[in-house]
Amino acid sequence: MSSQSERLKEARLKAGLSQKQVAEAVGMKQPSYNYLEKNDKGGSAKLPEIAKVLNVDPYWLRTGKTTSDVDADLKKLLENSPVLELDSNGEDPDRIWIDLVNIRFSCGDGESIEFHYDDVLARREIPASIFKKHNVKPENTKLALATGDSQEPYVCNGDEFAIDLSDTEIRDGEFYAVYFEGEAMLKQVFKEQGKKLILHSLNPKYKDKVVSSDNGVGFRVIGRQFYRAG
């Protein structure tokens, strides 16, 4: 598989643009853009904008995969239900244990979506009352980690949060784990006129992201966030 820098250069040449033209289109300095084409580990919050200028899938630009690969990952996530350990044999256990697996969602500028199902970081106990309160089945739950500060003080960097994978229908103002423009994010989602969605950050230093018919082809709702633990 090619590296990010190679894909970036390949897409730029195919688009018939110079480094300077791409850099100016996204508000970067040409040396900063050149760094991205020269360094395999070069990262930038501008990558989704660069992908738009080059008319390529931002997820492909970041990872070398396509949005169909994202769907495959999400399907795998749904099929790999968490390992549950109930501390009693009754139908209404007081304690439910769920694996915290290495699934990370950005509370910042976003990051490539990566699911490491076999990497169990810890086991966490969630009271059965939490599932009852939110009408969530434990078998539909995944625990994930938040990275970044865009949802502070509600969700902070390093916090763990639970996702209901069966709940993907947007309810105005609720928090959802989503995939958008090559990024896995935890965002508060609002509905707007014209079938637009606003991906909102509580931290005012982060701008809202708008999902529309123009850019929402690869948008995916992974699940609703219903529980958090700092």
Foldseek 3Di string as FASTA:
>chain_A
DDALLVVLVVLCVVQVHDLCVLQVQQVHDSVLSVVSNVDRPDDDLCQLVSCVVSVHQSQCSHPVDDLVVVVVVLVVVQVPFWDWDAPDPDPQGQKIKTFAFEFEAELASFDAGDGDPVHGPDIDIDTSVLCVVVVADNRQKYKYAYADDQAPPVHHHGKIWMFRQVDQDDDAQFWFFKDFRRGTHIFGWHADPQRKIWGHTPPVVDDIDIAHPVGPPSIGTRGTTRGIDD
